[in-house]
Amino acid sequence: MGGGTYLVKKREIPARAKLIAAIPFIFVFHQVTEGLVWLGTQGQIPSALHLSSVYIYTFIANAFWPTYFPLAMLYYEKDPLFRKIKLFMLFIGFLVSAYLFWCFTINDFVVAQVGCNAGDCSSLAYNFHIPYLRDVGNYIYLAVMLIPMLASSNKRIRNVISPIFLAIFIFSQLVSGRGTFPSVWCFFAAATSFIFLFIFPKKKLAELA
């Protein structure tokens, strides 16, 4: 959090980029909620706080990011063609958000438990029933996160950040155990999300004085 605050103060962030600049801080909050979920699985916090943290984490991972991410990229974009692409991805992302929200609220409830893979029990699994598109769901999720970055007039977003997020996605798929992909992906995405702030130029020395 301190590093992100420092970078925000040192970077020239235009008004249309505020939603992008907020991404690292939302990821930090997201990881804080998962810390509470961990404490809850060990019985160290009240059950009500644990359950609230489970649903906040699940909401951000599944229902928040698929809409917020393309919206942030759309709000930042000036190029008319790229805006059309991002507007379409925002529509798809909203459908993904709405569907997953329905899955873990009306259709089912979320159960958070420690997930193990090859003897390593260092990730959490947030289990709820997804009746349709479960096998391709992660790839649709990737599309609504990645395509808005690929369709960007900002070369740093298009050529640097989007390949990094794609690599994170692939790596998370490889190392995740059953049901732990959201937790693993969000952890590594949070760890690298501050690179978004480097797409903005440094403030002039006169402004920093």
N, C-alpha and C. Protein backbone atom coordinates (compact mmCIF):
# COMPACT_ATOMS: atom_id res chain seq x y z
N MET A 1 0.83 -1.20 0.00
CA MET A 1 0.00 0.00 0.00
C MET A 1 0.87 1.26 0.00
N GLY A 2 1.92 1.25 0.81
CA GLY A 2 2.81 2.40 0.87
C GLY A 2 3.50 2.66 -0.45
N GLY A 3 3.94 1.56 -1.11
CA GLY A 3 4.59 1.70 -2.40
C GLY A 3 3.66 2.27 -3.44
N GLY A 4 2.41 1.84 -3.42
CA GLY A 4 1.44 2.36 -4.37
C GLY A 4 1.17 3.83 -4.14
N THR A 5 1.06 4.23 -2.89
CA THR A 5 0.83 5.65 -2.56
C THR A 5 2.00 6.50 -3.03
N TYR A 6 3.20 5.98 -2.85
CA TYR A 6 4.40 6.69 -3.29
C TYR A 6 4.38 6.89 -4.80
N LEU A 7 4.05 5.82 -5.53
CA LEU A 7 4.04 5.91 -6.99
C LEU A 7 2.97 6.88 -7.48
N VAL A 8 1.80 6.86 -6.84
CA VAL A 8 0.73 7.78 -7.24
C VAL A 8 1.19 9.23 -7.08
N LYS A 9 1.92 9.50 -6.00
CA LYS A 9 2.41 10.86 -5.77
C LYS A 9 3.49 11.26 -6.77
N LYS A 10 4.22 10.28 -7.29
CA LYS A 10 5.33 10.56 -8.20
C LYS A 10 4.93 10.52 -9.67
N ARG A 11 3.73 10.02 -9.98
CA ARG A 11 3.31 9.86 -11.37
C ARG A 11 2.22 10.86 -11.74
N GLU A 12 2.24 11.26 -12.99
CA GLU A 12 1.24 12.17 -13.52
C GLU A 12 0.06 11.35 -14.02
N ILE A 13 -1.01 11.28 -13.24
CA ILE A 13 -2.16 10.43 -13.56
C ILE A 13 -3.32 11.32 -14.01
N PRO A 14 -3.68 11.25 -15.29
CA PRO A 14 -4.81 12.06 -15.77
C PRO A 14 -6.13 11.59 -15.19
N ALA A 15 -7.13 12.46 -15.24
CA ALA A 15 -8.43 12.14 -14.64
C ALA A 15 -9.04 10.88 -15.26
N ARG A 16 -8.85 10.68 -16.57
CA ARG A 16 -9.45 9.51 -17.23
C ARG A 16 -8.76 8.21 -16.84
N ALA A 17 -7.63 8.30 -16.12
CA ALA A 17 -6.89 7.10 -15.71
C ALA A 17 -7.09 6.75 -14.24
N LYS A 18 -7.98 7.47 -13.55
CA LYS A 18 -8.16 7.24 -12.12
C LYS A 18 -8.62 5.81 -11.82
N LEU A 19 -9.47 5.26 -12.67
CA LEU A 19 -9.96 3.89 -12.42
C LEU A 19 -8.83 2.89 -12.56
N ILE A 20 -7.93 3.12 -13.52
CA ILE A 20 -6.77 2.24 -13.66
C ILE A 20 -5.85 2.38 -12.46
N ALA A 21 -5.60 3.61 -12.02
CA ALA A 21 -4.71 3.84 -10.89
C ALA A 21 -5.23 3.21 -9.61
N ALA A 22 -6.55 3.00 -9.53
CA ALA A 22 -7.14 2.40 -8.33
C ALA A 22 -6.97 0.88 -8.30
N ILE A 23 -6.65 0.26 -9.43
CA ILE A 23 -6.57 -1.20 -9.51
C ILE A 23 -5.62 -1.81 -8.47
N PRO A 24 -4.39 -1.30 -8.32
CA PRO A 24 -3.50 -1.91 -7.31
C PRO A 24 -4.06 -1.84 -5.89
N PHE A 25 -4.74 -0.76 -5.56
CA PHE A 25 -5.26 -0.59 -4.20
C PHE A 25 -6.46 -1.51 -3.95
N ILE A 26 -7.24 -1.74 -4.99
CA ILE A 26 -8.35 -2.69 -4.85
C ILE A 26 -7.80 -4.10 -4.64
N PHE A 27 -6.73 -4.43 -5.36
CA PHE A 27 -6.09 -5.73 -5.17
C PHE A 27 -5.56 -5.88 -3.74
N VAL A 28 -5.01 -4.80 -3.18
CA VAL A 28 -4.52 -4.85 -1.80
C VAL A 28 -5.67 -5.16 -0.85
N PHE A 29 -6.78 -4.44 -1.01
CA PHE A 29 -7.96 -4.69 -0.17
C PHE A 29 -8.43 -6.13 -0.34
N HIS A 30 -8.39 -6.62 -1.58
CA HIS A 30 -8.80 -7.98 -1.87
C HIS A 30 -7.96 -8.99 -1.09
N GLN A 31 -6.65 -8.76 -1.06
CA GLN A 31 -5.77 -9.67 -0.34
C GLN A 31 -5.96 -9.59 1.18
N VAL A 32 -6.32 -8.40 1.65
CA VAL A 32 -6.62 -8.25 3.08
C VAL A 32 -7.82 -9.11 3.45
N THR A 33 -8.85 -9.11 2.60
CA THR A 33 -10.02 -9.93 2.89
C THR A 33 -9.66 -11.42 2.89
N GLU A 34 -8.73 -11.81 2.00
CA GLU A 34 -8.35 -13.22 2.00
C GLU A 34 -7.55 -13.56 3.27
N GLY A 35 -6.81 -12.60 3.78
CA GLY A 35 -6.13 -12.83 5.05
C GLY A 35 -7.13 -13.12 6.16
N LEU A 36 -8.25 -12.41 6.15
CA LEU A 36 -9.30 -12.67 7.13
C LEU A 36 -9.94 -14.05 6.91
N VAL A 37 -10.06 -14.44 5.64
CA VAL A 37 -10.60 -15.77 5.35
C VAL A 37 -9.68 -16.84 5.92
N TRP A 38 -8.37 -16.66 5.75
CA TRP A 38 -7.41 -17.61 6.32
C TRP A 38 -7.58 -17.70 7.84
N LEU A 39 -7.69 -16.56 8.49
CA LEU A 39 -7.87 -16.55 9.94
C LEU A 39 -9.16 -17.27 10.33
N GLY A 40 -10.19 -17.09 9.49
CA GLY A 40 -11.46 -17.75 9.77
C GLY A 40 -11.36 -19.26 9.65
N THR A 41 -10.61 -19.75 8.67
CA THR A 41 -10.47 -21.20 8.52
C THR A 41 -9.74 -21.82 9.71
N GLN A 42 -8.99 -20.99 10.45
CA GLN A 42 -8.27 -21.46 11.63
C GLN A 42 -9.02 -21.15 12.92
N GLY A 43 -10.22 -20.58 12.79
CA GLY A 43 -11.03 -20.29 13.95
C GLY A 43 -10.54 -19.13 14.79
N GLN A 44 -9.78 -18.20 14.19
CA GLN A 44 -9.19 -17.11 14.97
C GLN A 44 -10.01 -15.83 14.93
N ILE A 45 -11.08 -15.79 14.13
CA ILE A 45 -11.96 -14.62 14.09
C ILE A 45 -13.40 -15.10 14.19
N PRO A 46 -14.34 -14.22 14.54
CA PRO A 46 -15.75 -14.63 14.63
C PRO A 46 -16.26 -15.18 13.30
N SER A 47 -17.16 -16.12 13.36
CA SER A 47 -17.68 -16.77 12.16
C SER A 47 -18.37 -15.78 11.22
N ALA A 48 -19.04 -14.78 11.79
CA ALA A 48 -19.72 -13.78 10.96
C ALA A 48 -18.72 -12.98 10.12
N LEU A 49 -17.59 -12.61 10.74
CA LEU A 49 -16.55 -11.88 10.01
C LEU A 49 -15.93 -12.78 8.95
N HIS A 50 -15.72 -14.03 9.29
CA HIS A 50 -15.17 -14.99 8.33
C HIS A 50 -16.09 -15.14 7.13
N LEU A 51 -17.39 -15.33 7.37
CA LEU A 51 -18.33 -15.51 6.28
C LEU A 51 -18.42 -14.26 5.41
N SER A 52 -18.42 -13.10 6.05
CA SER A 52 -18.46 -11.85 5.30
C SER A 52 -17.23 -11.71 4.40
N SER A 53 -16.08 -12.08 4.94
CA SER A 53 -14.83 -11.99 4.16
C SER A 53 -14.85 -12.95 2.98
N VAL A 54 -15.41 -14.14 3.19
CA VAL A 54 -15.52 -15.12 2.11
C VAL A 54 -16.33 -14.54 0.95
N TYR A 55 -17.45 -13.92 1.28
CA TYR A 55 -18.32 -13.41 0.22
C TYR A 55 -17.78 -12.13 -0.40
N ILE A 56 -17.10 -11.30 0.37
CA ILE A 56 -16.47 -10.11 -0.20
C ILE A 56 -15.38 -10.52 -1.18
N TYR A 57 -14.55 -11.48 -0.75
CA TYR A 57 -13.48 -11.95 -1.62
C TYR A 57 -14.05 -12.56 -2.90
N THR A 58 -15.07 -13.41 -2.75
CA THR A 58 -15.68 -14.07 -3.90
C THR A 58 -16.32 -13.06 -4.84
N PHE A 59 -16.95 -12.04 -4.26
CA PHE A 59 -17.59 -11.00 -5.08
C PHE A 59 -16.55 -10.25 -5.91
N ILE A 60 -15.46 -9.82 -5.29
CA ILE A 60 -14.44 -9.07 -6.02
C ILE A 60 -13.81 -9.93 -7.11
N ALA A 61 -13.46 -11.17 -6.77
CA ALA A 61 -12.78 -12.05 -7.73
C ALA A 61 -13.67 -12.42 -8.90
N ASN A 62 -14.94 -12.66 -8.65
CA ASN A 62 -15.81 -13.22 -9.67
C ASN A 62 -16.78 -12.23 -10.30
N ALA A 63 -17.30 -11.31 -9.53
CA ALA A 63 -18.33 -10.41 -10.03
C ALA A 63 -17.86 -8.97 -10.24
N PHE A 64 -16.79 -8.57 -9.56
CA PHE A 64 -16.32 -7.20 -9.65
C PHE A 64 -15.33 -7.00 -10.81
N TRP A 65 -14.27 -7.80 -10.84
CA TRP A 65 -13.22 -7.58 -11.84
C TRP A 65 -13.69 -7.70 -13.28
N PRO A 66 -14.53 -8.67 -13.64
CA PRO A 66 -14.93 -8.77 -15.06
C PRO A 66 -15.65 -7.54 -15.60
N THR A 67 -16.25 -6.75 -14.71
CA THR A 67 -16.90 -5.51 -15.14
C THR A 67 -15.98 -4.31 -14.95
N TYR A 68 -15.32 -4.23 -13.80
CA TYR A 68 -14.50 -3.06 -13.49
C TYR A 68 -13.32 -2.93 -14.44
N PHE A 69 -12.67 -4.04 -14.76
CA PHE A 69 -11.45 -3.99 -15.56
C PHE A 69 -11.70 -3.41 -16.95
N PRO A 70 -12.64 -3.97 -17.74
CA PRO A 70 -12.89 -3.34 -19.04
C PRO A 70 -13.45 -1.94 -18.93
N LEU A 71 -14.20 -1.64 -17.85
CA LEU A 71 -14.71 -0.29 -17.65
C LEU A 71 -13.56 0.70 -17.44
N ALA A 72 -12.57 0.32 -16.63
CA ALA A 72 -11.42 1.18 -16.39
C ALA A 72 -10.65 1.44 -17.68
N MET A 73 -10.47 0.38 -18.50
CA MET A 73 -9.76 0.53 -19.76
C MET A 73 -10.55 1.37 -20.75
N LEU A 74 -11.86 1.23 -20.75
CA LEU A 74 -12.71 2.03 -21.63
C LEU A 74 -12.66 3.50 -21.24
N TYR A 75 -12.74 3.77 -19.96
CA TYR A 75 -12.73 5.14 -19.46
C TYR A 75 -11.42 5.85 -19.81
N TYR A 76 -10.33 5.08 -19.87
CA TYR A 76 -9.01 5.64 -20.18
C TYR A 76 -8.80 5.86 -21.67
N GLU A 77 -9.45 5.06 -22.50
CA GLU A 77 -9.18 5.02 -23.94
C GLU A 77 -9.76 6.22 -24.68
N LYS A 78 -9.00 6.72 -25.69
CA LYS A 78 -9.46 7.81 -26.54
C LYS A 78 -9.73 7.35 -27.96
N ASP A 79 -9.02 6.33 -28.42
CA ASP A 79 -9.15 5.88 -29.80
C ASP A 79 -10.56 5.32 -30.04
N PRO A 80 -11.29 5.81 -31.05
CA PRO A 80 -12.69 5.38 -31.29
C PRO A 80 -12.83 3.88 -31.54
N LEU A 81 -11.92 3.29 -32.35
CA LEU A 81 -12.02 1.86 -32.64
C LEU A 81 -11.78 1.03 -31.38
N PHE A 82 -10.74 1.36 -30.64
CA PHE A 82 -10.44 0.63 -29.41
C PHE A 82 -11.56 0.79 -28.39
N ARG A 83 -12.20 1.96 -28.37
CA ARG A 83 -13.32 2.17 -27.44
C ARG A 83 -14.48 1.24 -27.78
N LYS A 84 -14.74 1.01 -29.06
CA LYS A 84 -15.81 0.11 -29.45
C LYS A 84 -15.51 -1.32 -29.00
N ILE A 85 -14.27 -1.73 -29.17
CA ILE A 85 -13.87 -3.08 -28.73
C ILE A 85 -14.04 -3.21 -27.23
N LYS A 86 -13.60 -2.21 -26.50
CA LYS A 86 -13.69 -2.27 -25.04
C LYS A 86 -15.13 -2.17 -24.55
N LEU A 87 -15.95 -1.43 -25.27
CA LEU A 87 -17.36 -1.35 -24.91
C LEU A 87 -18.02 -2.72 -25.06
N PHE A 88 -17.66 -3.44 -26.12
CA PHE A 88 -18.19 -4.79 -26.31
C PHE A 88 -17.70 -5.72 -25.20
N MET A 89 -16.41 -5.62 -24.83
CA MET A 89 -15.87 -6.46 -23.77
C MET A 89 -16.48 -6.10 -22.42
N LEU A 90 -16.83 -4.84 -22.24
CA LEU A 90 -17.51 -4.43 -21.01
C LEU A 90 -18.87 -5.11 -20.93
N PHE A 91 -19.57 -5.19 -22.04
CA PHE A 91 -20.86 -5.87 -22.08
C PHE A 91 -20.70 -7.35 -21.73
N ILE A 92 -19.69 -8.01 -22.33
CA ILE A 92 -19.44 -9.42 -22.02
C ILE A 92 -19.04 -9.57 -20.56
N GLY A 93 -18.20 -8.67 -20.07
CA GLY A 93 -17.77 -8.73 -18.68
C GLY A 93 -18.92 -8.57 -17.72
N PHE A 94 -19.86 -7.69 -18.05
CA PHE A 94 -21.03 -7.51 -17.19
C PHE A 94 -21.85 -8.80 -17.14
N LEU A 95 -21.99 -9.48 -18.28
CA LEU A 95 -22.73 -10.75 -18.30
C LEU A 95 -22.02 -11.79 -17.45
N VAL A 96 -20.69 -11.83 -17.53
CA VAL A 96 -19.91 -12.76 -16.71
C VAL A 96 -20.12 -12.45 -15.24
N SER A 97 -20.04 -11.17 -14.88
CA SER A 97 -20.23 -10.76 -13.48
C SER A 97 -21.61 -11.16 -12.98
N ALA A 98 -22.63 -10.87 -13.78
CA ALA A 98 -24.00 -11.17 -13.37
C ALA A 98 -24.21 -12.67 -13.21
N TYR A 99 -23.66 -13.44 -14.14
CA TYR A 99 -23.84 -14.89 -14.08
C TYR A 99 -23.15 -15.49 -12.86
N LEU A 100 -21.90 -15.09 -12.62
CA LEU A 100 -21.17 -15.64 -11.48
C LEU A 100 -21.78 -15.17 -10.16
N PHE A 101 -22.25 -13.93 -10.12
CA PHE A 101 -22.92 -13.44 -8.91
C PHE A 101 -24.14 -14.30 -8.60
N TRP A 102 -24.91 -14.62 -9.64
CA TRP A 102 -26.07 -15.50 -9.46
C TRP A 102 -25.63 -16.87 -8.95
N CYS A 103 -24.50 -17.36 -9.47
CA CYS A 103 -24.03 -18.70 -9.09
C CYS A 103 -23.72 -18.80 -7.60
N PHE A 104 -23.05 -17.78 -7.04
CA PHE A 104 -22.61 -17.92 -5.64
C PHE A 104 -23.54 -17.23 -4.64
N THR A 105 -24.69 -16.73 -5.13
CA THR A 105 -25.67 -16.16 -4.20
C THR A 105 -27.00 -16.91 -4.28
N ILE A 106 -27.70 -16.78 -5.38
CA ILE A 106 -29.02 -17.40 -5.53
C ILE A 106 -28.93 -18.89 -5.78
N ASN A 107 -28.01 -19.30 -6.66
CA ASN A 107 -27.94 -20.71 -7.05
C ASN A 107 -27.26 -21.58 -6.00
N ASP A 108 -26.28 -21.04 -5.29
CA ASP A 108 -25.50 -21.84 -4.34
C ASP A 108 -24.89 -20.91 -3.30
N PHE A 109 -24.21 -21.49 -2.32
CA PHE A 109 -23.47 -20.69 -1.35
C PHE A 109 -21.99 -21.06 -1.45
N VAL A 110 -21.15 -20.18 -0.96
CA VAL A 110 -19.70 -20.35 -1.08
C VAL A 110 -19.15 -21.07 0.14
N VAL A 111 -18.29 -22.05 -0.11
CA VAL A 111 -17.57 -22.73 0.96
C VAL A 111 -16.08 -22.51 0.72
N ALA A 112 -15.42 -21.86 1.66
CA ALA A 112 -13.98 -21.63 1.55
C ALA A 112 -13.24 -22.67 2.36
N GLN A 113 -12.30 -23.34 1.72
CA GLN A 113 -11.50 -24.35 2.42
C GLN A 113 -10.09 -24.36 1.86
N VAL A 114 -9.17 -24.85 2.66
CA VAL A 114 -7.78 -24.92 2.21
C VAL A 114 -7.67 -25.96 1.12
N GLY A 115 -7.10 -25.54 -0.02
CA GLY A 115 -6.92 -26.45 -1.14
C GLY A 115 -5.49 -26.94 -1.21
N CYS A 116 -5.31 -28.19 -1.50
CA CYS A 116 -3.98 -28.80 -1.54
C CYS A 116 -3.68 -29.31 -2.95
N ASN A 117 -2.44 -29.13 -3.37
CA ASN A 117 -1.99 -29.62 -4.67
C ASN A 117 -0.60 -30.20 -4.51
N ALA A 118 -0.47 -31.50 -4.73
CA ALA A 118 0.81 -32.20 -4.61
C ALA A 118 1.41 -32.00 -3.22
N GLY A 119 0.56 -32.05 -2.21
CA GLY A 119 1.03 -31.93 -0.83
C GLY A 119 1.21 -30.50 -0.35
N ASP A 120 1.02 -29.53 -1.25
CA ASP A 120 1.17 -28.13 -0.87
C ASP A 120 -0.20 -27.55 -0.55
N CYS A 121 -0.42 -27.19 0.70
CA CYS A 121 -1.71 -26.66 1.14
C CYS A 121 -1.57 -25.18 1.46
N SER A 122 -1.25 -24.38 0.44
CA SER A 122 -0.98 -22.96 0.67
C SER A 122 -1.96 -22.05 -0.05
N SER A 123 -3.05 -22.61 -0.58
CA SER A 123 -4.04 -21.81 -1.29
C SER A 123 -5.43 -22.13 -0.76
N LEU A 124 -6.33 -21.18 -0.97
CA LEU A 124 -7.72 -21.37 -0.58
C LEU A 124 -8.58 -21.68 -1.80
N ALA A 125 -9.53 -22.55 -1.62
CA ALA A 125 -10.51 -22.85 -2.66
C ALA A 125 -11.85 -22.27 -2.25
N TYR A 126 -12.46 -21.51 -3.15
CA TYR A 126 -13.77 -20.93 -2.91
C TYR A 126 -14.76 -21.71 -3.78
N ASN A 127 -15.42 -22.66 -3.17
CA ASN A 127 -16.24 -23.60 -3.92
C ASN A 127 -17.71 -23.18 -3.95
N PHE A 128 -18.24 -23.09 -5.15
CA PHE A 128 -19.68 -22.92 -5.36
C PHE A 128 -20.01 -23.50 -6.73
N HIS A 129 -21.26 -23.86 -6.92
CA HIS A 129 -21.66 -24.59 -8.12
C HIS A 129 -21.87 -23.64 -9.31
N ILE A 130 -21.18 -23.94 -10.41
CA ILE A 130 -21.36 -23.21 -11.67
C ILE A 130 -21.98 -24.18 -12.66
N PRO A 131 -23.27 -24.08 -12.91
CA PRO A 131 -23.95 -25.11 -13.71
C PRO A 131 -23.60 -25.12 -15.18
N TYR A 132 -23.21 -23.97 -15.73
CA TYR A 132 -22.90 -23.90 -17.17
C TYR A 132 -21.56 -23.23 -17.39
N LEU A 133 -20.89 -23.61 -18.46
CA LEU A 133 -19.64 -22.98 -18.91
C LEU A 133 -18.51 -23.08 -17.90
N ARG A 134 -18.57 -24.06 -17.02
CA ARG A 134 -17.52 -24.17 -16.01
C ARG A 134 -16.16 -24.46 -16.64
N ASP A 135 -16.12 -25.33 -17.66
CA ASP A 135 -14.84 -25.72 -18.25
C ASP A 135 -14.17 -24.58 -19.02
N VAL A 136 -14.97 -23.69 -19.58
CA VAL A 136 -14.40 -22.58 -20.36
C VAL A 136 -14.48 -21.25 -19.62
N GLY A 137 -15.02 -21.29 -18.40
CA GLY A 137 -15.23 -20.06 -17.65
C GLY A 137 -13.97 -19.25 -17.43
N ASN A 138 -12.87 -19.92 -17.08
CA ASN A 138 -11.62 -19.21 -16.84
C ASN A 138 -11.12 -18.49 -18.09
N TYR A 139 -11.37 -19.08 -19.26
CA TYR A 139 -10.89 -18.48 -20.50
C TYR A 139 -11.75 -17.29 -20.92
N ILE A 140 -13.06 -17.37 -20.63
CA ILE A 140 -13.91 -16.20 -20.87
C ILE A 140 -13.50 -15.08 -19.93
N TYR A 141 -13.22 -15.44 -18.69
CA TYR A 141 -12.74 -14.47 -17.69
C TYR A 141 -11.46 -13.81 -18.18
N LEU A 142 -10.53 -14.63 -18.70
CA LEU A 142 -9.27 -14.10 -19.22
C LEU A 142 -9.53 -13.13 -20.36
N ALA A 143 -10.46 -13.47 -21.24
CA ALA A 143 -10.73 -12.62 -22.40
C ALA A 143 -11.19 -11.23 -21.99
N VAL A 144 -12.09 -11.14 -21.01
CA VAL A 144 -12.62 -9.83 -20.62
C VAL A 144 -11.58 -9.02 -19.86
N MET A 145 -10.55 -9.69 -19.34
CA MET A 145 -9.47 -8.97 -18.68
C MET A 145 -8.36 -8.59 -19.66
N LEU A 146 -8.06 -9.49 -20.61
CA LEU A 146 -6.90 -9.32 -21.47
C LEU A 146 -7.19 -8.50 -22.71
N ILE A 147 -8.31 -8.75 -23.39
CA ILE A 147 -8.59 -8.06 -24.65
C ILE A 147 -8.65 -6.55 -24.48
N PRO A 148 -9.26 -6.01 -23.40
CA PRO A 148 -9.23 -4.56 -23.24
C PRO A 148 -7.82 -3.99 -23.13
N MET A 149 -6.86 -4.77 -22.65
CA MET A 149 -5.48 -4.31 -22.60
C MET A 149 -4.81 -4.42 -23.95
N LEU A 150 -5.09 -5.51 -24.68
CA LEU A 150 -4.51 -5.67 -26.02
C LEU A 150 -5.04 -4.61 -26.98
N ALA A 151 -6.30 -4.23 -26.81
CA ALA A 151 -6.91 -3.19 -27.65
C ALA A 151 -6.75 -1.83 -26.98
N SER A 152 -5.50 -1.45 -26.75
CA SER A 152 -5.21 -0.19 -26.07
C SER A 152 -4.27 0.64 -26.92
N SER A 153 -4.52 1.94 -26.98
CA SER A 153 -3.62 2.83 -27.69
C SER A 153 -2.35 3.13 -26.88
N ASN A 154 -2.37 2.76 -25.61
CA ASN A 154 -1.18 2.92 -24.76
C ASN A 154 -0.26 1.71 -24.99
N LYS A 155 0.91 1.95 -25.54
CA LYS A 155 1.81 0.86 -25.90
C LYS A 155 2.30 0.08 -24.68
N ARG A 156 2.44 0.74 -23.56
CA ARG A 156 2.91 0.04 -22.36
C ARG A 156 1.86 -0.94 -21.86
N ILE A 157 0.59 -0.54 -21.93
CA ILE A 157 -0.47 -1.47 -21.55
C ILE A 157 -0.52 -2.63 -22.52
N ARG A 158 -0.46 -2.31 -23.82
CA ARG A 158 -0.61 -3.33 -24.86
C ARG A 158 0.58 -4.29 -24.93
N ASN A 159 1.79 -3.76 -24.84
CA ASN A 159 2.99 -4.57 -25.11
C ASN A 159 3.71 -5.06 -23.87
N VAL A 160 3.40 -4.50 -22.71
CA VAL A 160 4.11 -4.90 -21.48
C VAL A 160 3.15 -5.54 -20.47
N ILE A 161 2.11 -4.79 -20.11
CA ILE A 161 1.23 -5.27 -19.04
C ILE A 161 0.39 -6.46 -19.48
N SER A 162 -0.16 -6.41 -20.70
CA SER A 162 -1.00 -7.53 -21.15
C SER A 162 -0.23 -8.85 -21.23
N PRO A 163 1.02 -8.90 -21.74
CA PRO A 163 1.76 -10.16 -21.72
C PRO A 163 2.06 -10.65 -20.30
N ILE A 164 2.30 -9.72 -19.38
CA ILE A 164 2.56 -10.11 -18.00
C ILE A 164 1.32 -10.77 -17.39
N PHE A 165 0.16 -10.18 -17.61
CA PHE A 165 -1.07 -10.77 -17.07
C PHE A 165 -1.39 -12.10 -17.73
N LEU A 166 -1.09 -12.25 -19.01
CA LEU A 166 -1.29 -13.53 -19.68
C LEU A 166 -0.37 -14.58 -19.07
N ALA A 167 0.88 -14.21 -18.81
CA ALA A 167 1.83 -15.15 -18.19
C ALA A 167 1.37 -15.54 -16.79
N ILE A 168 0.82 -14.58 -16.04
CA ILE A 168 0.30 -14.88 -14.70
C ILE A 168 -0.84 -15.87 -14.78
N PHE A 169 -1.73 -15.66 -15.76
CA PHE A 169 -2.87 -16.56 -15.94
C PHE A 169 -2.39 -17.98 -16.22
N ILE A 170 -1.47 -18.13 -17.15
CA ILE A 170 -0.96 -19.47 -17.52
C ILE A 170 -0.27 -20.12 -16.33
N PHE A 171 0.57 -19.35 -15.64
CA PHE A 171 1.30 -19.89 -14.49
C PHE A 171 0.33 -20.32 -13.39
N SER A 172 -0.69 -19.49 -13.15
CA SER A 172 -1.67 -19.82 -12.11
C SER A 172 -2.44 -21.08 -12.45
N GLN A 173 -2.74 -21.27 -13.73
CA GLN A 173 -3.42 -22.49 -14.16
C GLN A 173 -2.56 -23.71 -13.89
N LEU A 174 -1.26 -23.57 -14.10
CA LEU A 174 -0.34 -24.71 -13.95
C LEU A 174 -0.13 -25.10 -12.49
N VAL A 175 -0.12 -24.13 -11.59
CA VAL A 175 0.23 -24.42 -10.20
C VAL A 175 -0.99 -24.57 -9.30
N SER A 176 -2.19 -24.29 -9.83
CA SER A 176 -3.39 -24.33 -9.00
C SER A 176 -3.85 -25.77 -8.76
N GLY A 177 -4.35 -26.00 -7.55
CA GLY A 177 -5.03 -27.24 -7.26
C GLY A 177 -6.50 -27.10 -7.59
N ARG A 178 -7.28 -28.10 -7.28
CA ARG A 178 -8.70 -28.08 -7.60
C ARG A 178 -9.41 -26.94 -6.86
N GLY A 179 -9.99 -26.05 -7.61
CA GLY A 179 -10.77 -24.97 -7.04
C GLY A 179 -9.96 -23.80 -6.51
N THR A 180 -8.62 -23.85 -6.61
CA THR A 180 -7.80 -22.79 -6.01
C THR A 180 -7.35 -21.74 -7.03
N PHE A 181 -7.74 -21.89 -8.30
CA PHE A 181 -7.26 -20.94 -9.32
C PHE A 181 -7.58 -19.49 -8.98
N PRO A 182 -8.81 -19.13 -8.58
CA PRO A 182 -9.08 -17.72 -8.29
C PRO A 182 -8.15 -17.14 -7.23
N SER A 183 -7.88 -17.91 -6.19
CA SER A 183 -7.01 -17.43 -5.12
C SER A 183 -5.57 -17.24 -5.62
N VAL A 184 -5.08 -18.22 -6.38
CA VAL A 184 -3.70 -18.16 -6.88
C VAL A 184 -3.55 -17.02 -7.87
N TRP A 185 -4.52 -16.91 -8.80
CA TRP A 185 -4.43 -15.86 -9.83
C TRP A 185 -4.49 -14.48 -9.19
N CYS A 186 -5.42 -14.28 -8.27
CA CYS A 186 -5.56 -12.96 -7.64
C CYS A 186 -4.32 -12.59 -6.83
N PHE A 187 -3.68 -13.60 -6.22
CA PHE A 187 -2.47 -13.31 -5.44
C PHE A 187 -1.36 -12.77 -6.34
N PHE A 188 -1.10 -13.47 -7.45
CA PHE A 188 -0.01 -13.04 -8.34
C PHE A 188 -0.39 -11.76 -9.09
N ALA A 189 -1.66 -11.59 -9.43
CA ALA A 189 -2.10 -10.36 -10.08
C ALA A 189 -1.93 -9.18 -9.13
N ALA A 190 -2.26 -9.39 -7.86
CA ALA A 190 -2.08 -8.33 -6.87
C ALA A 190 -0.61 -7.97 -6.71
N ALA A 191 0.25 -8.99 -6.72
CA ALA A 191 1.69 -8.77 -6.52
C ALA A 191 2.31 -7.96 -7.65
N THR A 192 1.72 -8.03 -8.84
CA THR A 192 2.29 -7.33 -10.00
C THR A 192 1.44 -6.15 -10.46
N SER A 193 0.33 -5.88 -9.79
CA SER A 193 -0.61 -4.88 -10.28
C SER A 193 -0.05 -3.46 -10.24
N PHE A 194 0.96 -3.20 -9.42
CA PHE A 194 1.50 -1.85 -9.33
C PHE A 194 2.22 -1.42 -10.61
N ILE A 195 2.47 -2.39 -11.52
CA ILE A 195 3.08 -2.01 -12.80
C ILE A 195 2.15 -1.10 -13.59
N PHE A 196 0.86 -1.10 -13.28
CA PHE A 196 -0.05 -0.20 -13.98
C PHE A 196 0.35 1.25 -13.77
N LEU A 197 0.90 1.57 -12.62
CA LEU A 197 1.25 2.95 -12.34
C LEU A 197 2.45 3.42 -13.14
N PHE A 198 3.24 2.48 -13.68
CA PHE A 198 4.41 2.85 -14.47
C PHE A 198 4.06 3.23 -15.91
N ILE A 199 2.78 3.09 -16.29
CA ILE A 199 2.39 3.50 -17.64
C ILE A 199 2.27 5.01 -17.71
N PHE A 200 2.24 5.66 -16.55
CA PHE A 200 2.07 7.11 -16.52
C PHE A 200 3.44 7.78 -16.37
N PRO A 201 3.63 8.94 -16.99
CA PRO A 201 4.92 9.63 -16.89
C PRO A 201 5.16 10.19 -15.49
N LYS A 202 6.42 10.40 -15.19
CA LYS A 202 6.76 11.00 -13.90
C LYS A 202 6.35 12.46 -13.87
N LYS A 203 6.00 12.93 -12.68
CA LYS A 203 5.67 14.34 -12.53
C LYS A 203 6.92 15.19 -12.71
N LYS A 204 6.71 16.40 -13.19
CA LYS A 204 7.83 17.31 -13.38
C LYS A 204 8.39 17.72 -12.02
N LEU A 205 9.70 17.99 -12.00
CA LEU A 205 10.37 18.35 -10.74
C LEU A 205 9.71 19.57 -10.09
N ALA A 206 9.27 20.51 -10.89
CA ALA A 206 8.65 21.72 -10.35
C ALA A 206 7.36 21.38 -9.60
N GLU A 207 6.65 20.35 -10.06
CA GLU A 207 5.40 19.96 -9.41
C GLU A 207 5.66 19.23 -8.13
N LEU A 208 6.83 18.60 -8.01
CA LEU A 208 7.15 17.82 -6.82
C LEU A 208 7.72 18.69 -5.71
N ALA A 209 8.17 19.87 -6.05
CA ALA A 209 8.80 20.75 -5.07
C ALA A 209 7.78 21.30 -4.10
